[in-house]
Amino acid sequence: MPAPFGMVVTTVASEAKAREISRAALQARLAACVQLYPIQSLYVWKGELREEGEIALHMKIRGEDFEPLRALIRRLHDYETPEILRFEIAEGDAAYLEWLAETVRK
C-alpha cells in the first residue's frame, strides 16, 4: 500500500504543456498543488547527448491517486518516454497535509 501522500515529478518541453497537464490533474482532483520550474536538462536519448530547456512539474498527491495520475500524464504527454516518478512524503506539516487531503477528496 502506498504512503498516504506523495509527490509526482514529470518534465515537459513547454510551459503550455506543463499548464495543460497541471490543470487536468487539478480538475480531476488527482493533485492538490502543482509547482512549475523552468530547468535545463542534460541527458542521453537513443545514444545521443541532449541539452534542452524543460519545465519540471511537482505534483502533491494522495498515494492512492498515483495510478490514475500516471495514466493522465501518459495520455497528455508528448514525450515518447515521459519521466513519471513518485516520491513518498515521510512527514509533513499536519495543517498542510490536512489541506492536501481535503483538496483531493473525491
C-alpha atoms as a PDB file:
ATOM      1  CA  MET A   1       0.000   0.000   0.000  1.00  0.00           C
ATOM      2  CA  PRO A   2       1.422   3.429  -0.910  1.00  0.00           C
ATOM      3  CA  ALA A   3       2.157   6.097   1.689  1.00  0.00           C
ATOM      4  CA  PRO A   4      -0.797   8.399   2.372  1.00  0.00           C
ATOM      5  CA  PHE A   5       0.824  11.293   0.473  1.00  0.00           C
ATOM      6  CA  GLY A   6       3.423  11.730  -2.209  1.00  0.00           C
ATOM      7  CA  MET A   7       4.855  13.950  -4.886  1.00  0.00           C
ATOM      8  CA  VAL A   8       4.918  13.093  -8.575  1.00  0.00           C
ATOM      9  CA  VAL A   9       7.573  14.634 -10.792  1.00  0.00           C
ATOM     10  CA  THR A  10       7.474  14.901 -14.555  1.00  0.00           C
ATOM     11  CA  THR A  11       9.132  17.136 -17.139  1.00  0.00           C
ATOM     12  CA  VAL A  12       7.755  18.589 -20.361  1.00  0.00           C
ATOM     13  CA  ALA A  13       9.136  20.634 -23.237  1.00  0.00           C
ATOM     14  CA  SER A  14       6.877  23.681 -22.965  1.00  0.00           C
ATOM     15  CA  GLU A  15       5.048  25.832 -20.456  1.00  0.00           C
ATOM     16  CA  ALA A  16       1.826  25.298 -22.421  1.00  0.00           C
ATOM     17  CA  LYS A  17       2.107  21.502 -21.974  1.00  0.00           C
ATOM     18  CA  ALA A  18       3.013  21.950 -18.301  1.00  0.00           C
ATOM     19  CA  ARG A  19      -0.115  24.039 -17.737  1.00  0.00           C
ATOM     20  CA  GLU A  20      -2.302  21.585 -19.689  1.00  0.00           C
ATOM     21  CA  ILE A  21      -1.184  18.628 -17.563  1.00  0.00           C
ATOM     22  CA  SER A  22      -1.348  20.673 -14.350  1.00  0.00           C
ATOM     23  CA  ARG A  23      -4.871  21.905 -14.980  1.00  0.00           C
ATOM     24  CA  ALA A  24      -6.095  18.427 -15.940  1.00  0.00           C
ATOM     25  CA  ALA A  25      -4.609  16.899 -12.754  1.00  0.00           C
ATOM     26  CA  LEU A  26      -6.122  19.633 -10.571  1.00  0.00           C
ATOM     27  CA  GLN A  27      -9.545  19.470 -12.234  1.00  0.00           C
ATOM     28  CA  ALA A  28      -9.609  15.670 -11.822  1.00  0.00           C
ATOM     29  CA  ARG A  29      -8.665  16.158  -8.133  1.00  0.00           C
ATOM     30  CA  LEU A  30      -5.627  13.937  -8.624  1.00  0.00           C
ATOM     31  CA  ALA A  31      -3.309  16.673  -7.324  1.00  0.00           C
ATOM     32  CA  ALA A  32      -3.795  19.383  -4.729  1.00  0.00           C
ATOM     33  CA  CYS A  33      -0.954  21.577  -5.954  1.00  0.00           C
ATOM     34  CA  VAL A  34       1.368  21.615  -8.952  1.00  0.00           C
ATOM     35  CA  GLN A  35       4.537  23.675  -8.985  1.00  0.00           C
ATOM     36  CA  LEU A  36       6.251  24.522 -12.286  1.00  0.00           C
ATOM     37  CA  TYR A  37      10.000  25.100 -12.528  1.00  0.00           C
ATOM     38  CA  PRO A  38      11.973  26.048 -15.659  1.00  0.00           C
ATOM     39  CA  ILE A  39      15.067  23.808 -15.776  1.00  0.00           C
ATOM     40  CA  GLN A  40      17.931  22.857 -18.055  1.00  0.00           C
ATOM     41  CA  SER A  41      18.204  19.110 -18.685  1.00  0.00           C
ATOM     42  CA  LEU A  42      21.213  17.189 -19.944  1.00  0.00           C
ATOM     43  CA  TYR A  43      20.516  13.552 -20.762  1.00  0.00           C
ATOM     44  CA  VAL A  44      21.257  10.727 -23.150  1.00  0.00           C
ATOM     45  CA  TRP A  45      18.436   9.792 -25.519  1.00  0.00           C
ATOM     46  CA  LYS A  46      18.902   6.988 -28.066  1.00  0.00           C
ATOM     47  CA  GLY A  47      22.676   7.197 -27.689  1.00  0.00           C
ATOM     48  CA  GLU A  48      22.847  10.961 -28.207  1.00  0.00           C
ATOM     49  CA  LEU A  49      23.767  13.563 -25.579  1.00  0.00           C
ATOM     50  CA  ARG A  50      20.999  16.178 -25.421  1.00  0.00           C
ATOM     51  CA  GLU A  51      20.723  19.573 -23.696  1.00  0.00           C
ATOM     52  CA  GLU A  52      17.305  21.196 -23.587  1.00  0.00           C
ATOM     53  CA  GLY A  53      15.207  23.572 -21.583  1.00  0.00           C
ATOM     54  CA  GLU A  54      12.225  21.907 -19.920  1.00  0.00           C
ATOM     55  CA  ILE A  55       9.570  22.604 -17.321  1.00  0.00           C
ATOM     56  CA  ALA A  56       9.562  20.355 -14.236  1.00  0.00           C
ATOM     57  CA  LEU A  57       6.207  19.683 -12.564  1.00  0.00           C
ATOM     58  CA  HIS A  58       5.995  18.755  -8.864  1.00  0.00           C
ATOM     59  CA  MET A  59       2.509  17.442  -8.060  1.00  0.00           C
ATOM     60  CA  LYS A  60       1.349  16.896  -4.450  1.00  0.00           C
ATOM     61  CA  ILE A  61      -0.947  13.846  -4.335  1.00  0.00           C
ATOM     62  CA  ARG A  62      -2.575  11.170  -2.224  1.00  0.00           C
ATOM     63  CA  GLY A  63      -0.630   7.936  -2.648  1.00  0.00           C
ATOM     64  CA  GLU A  64      -3.738   6.128  -3.883  1.00  0.00           C
ATOM     65  CA  ASP A  65      -4.079   8.587  -6.782  1.00  0.00           C
ATOM     66  CA  PHE A  66      -0.730   7.745  -8.382  1.00  0.00           C
ATOM     67  CA  GLU A  67      -2.025   5.235 -10.944  1.00  0.00           C
ATOM     68  CA  PRO A  68      -4.821   7.463 -12.308  1.00  0.00           C
ATOM     69  CA  LEU A  69      -2.424  10.429 -12.348  1.00  0.00           C
ATOM     70  CA  ARG A  70       0.187   8.379 -14.206  1.00  0.00           C
ATOM     71  CA  ALA A  71      -2.466   7.466 -16.807  1.00  0.00           C
ATOM     72  CA  LEU A  72      -3.464  11.133 -17.169  1.00  0.00           C
ATOM     73  CA  ILE A  73       0.162  12.218 -17.645  1.00  0.00           C
ATOM     74  CA  ARG A  74       0.785   9.481 -20.242  1.00  0.00           C
ATOM     75  CA  ARG A  75      -2.385  10.440 -22.127  1.00  0.00           C
ATOM     76  CA  LEU A  76      -1.484  14.149 -22.311  1.00  0.00           C
ATOM     77  CA  HIS A  77       2.319  13.972 -22.512  1.00  0.00           C
ATOM     78  CA  ASP A  78       4.048  14.389 -25.838  1.00  0.00           C
ATOM     79  CA  TYR A  79       7.320  12.587 -24.985  1.00  0.00           C
ATOM     80  CA  GLU A  80       7.821   9.020 -26.178  1.00  0.00           C
ATOM     81  CA  THR A  81       9.047   8.025 -22.707  1.00  0.00           C
ATOM     82  CA  PRO A  82       7.986  10.626 -20.145  1.00  0.00           C
ATOM     83  CA  GLU A  83       9.592  10.901 -16.733  1.00  0.00           C
ATOM     84  CA  ILE A  84       6.920   9.961 -14.182  1.00  0.00           C
ATOM     85  CA  LEU A  85       8.346   9.484 -10.691  1.00  0.00           C
ATOM     86  CA  ARG A  86       6.523   9.164  -7.358  1.00  0.00           C
ATOM     87  CA  PHE A  87       8.200  10.114  -4.091  1.00  0.00           C
ATOM     88  CA  GLU A  88       6.573   9.289  -0.776  1.00  0.00           C
ATOM     89  CA  ILE A  89       6.167  12.075   1.761  1.00  0.00           C
ATOM     90  CA  ALA A  90       7.552  10.632   5.004  1.00  0.00           C
ATOM     91  CA  GLU A  91       6.486  13.605   7.107  1.00  0.00           C
ATOM     92  CA  GLY A  92       4.908  16.993   6.640  1.00  0.00           C
ATOM     93  CA  ASP A  93       3.225  19.821   8.471  1.00  0.00           C
ATOM     94  CA  ALA A  94      -0.106  18.488   9.751  1.00  0.00           C
ATOM     95  CA  ALA A  95      -2.092  21.516   8.562  1.00  0.00           C
ATOM     96  CA  TYR A  96      -0.606  21.274   5.048  1.00  0.00           C
ATOM     97  CA  LEU A  97      -1.302  17.537   4.797  1.00  0.00           C
ATOM     98  CA  GLU A  98      -4.863  18.118   6.035  1.00  0.00           C
ATOM     99  CA  TRP A  99      -5.334  20.743   3.298  1.00  0.00           C
ATOM    100  CA  LEU A 100      -3.885  18.342   0.708  1.00  0.00           C
ATOM    101  CA  ALA A 101      -6.245  15.549   1.762  1.00  0.00           C
ATOM    102  CA  GLU A 102      -9.282  17.843   1.724  1.00  0.00           C
ATOM    103  CA  THR A 103      -8.396  19.307  -1.676  1.00  0.00           C
ATOM    104  CA  VAL A 104      -8.194  15.953  -3.461  1.00  0.00           C
ATOM    105  CA  ARG A 105     -11.089  14.317  -1.594  1.00  0.00           C
ATOM    106  CA  LYS A 106     -13.496  12.802  -4.110  1.00  0.00           C
END
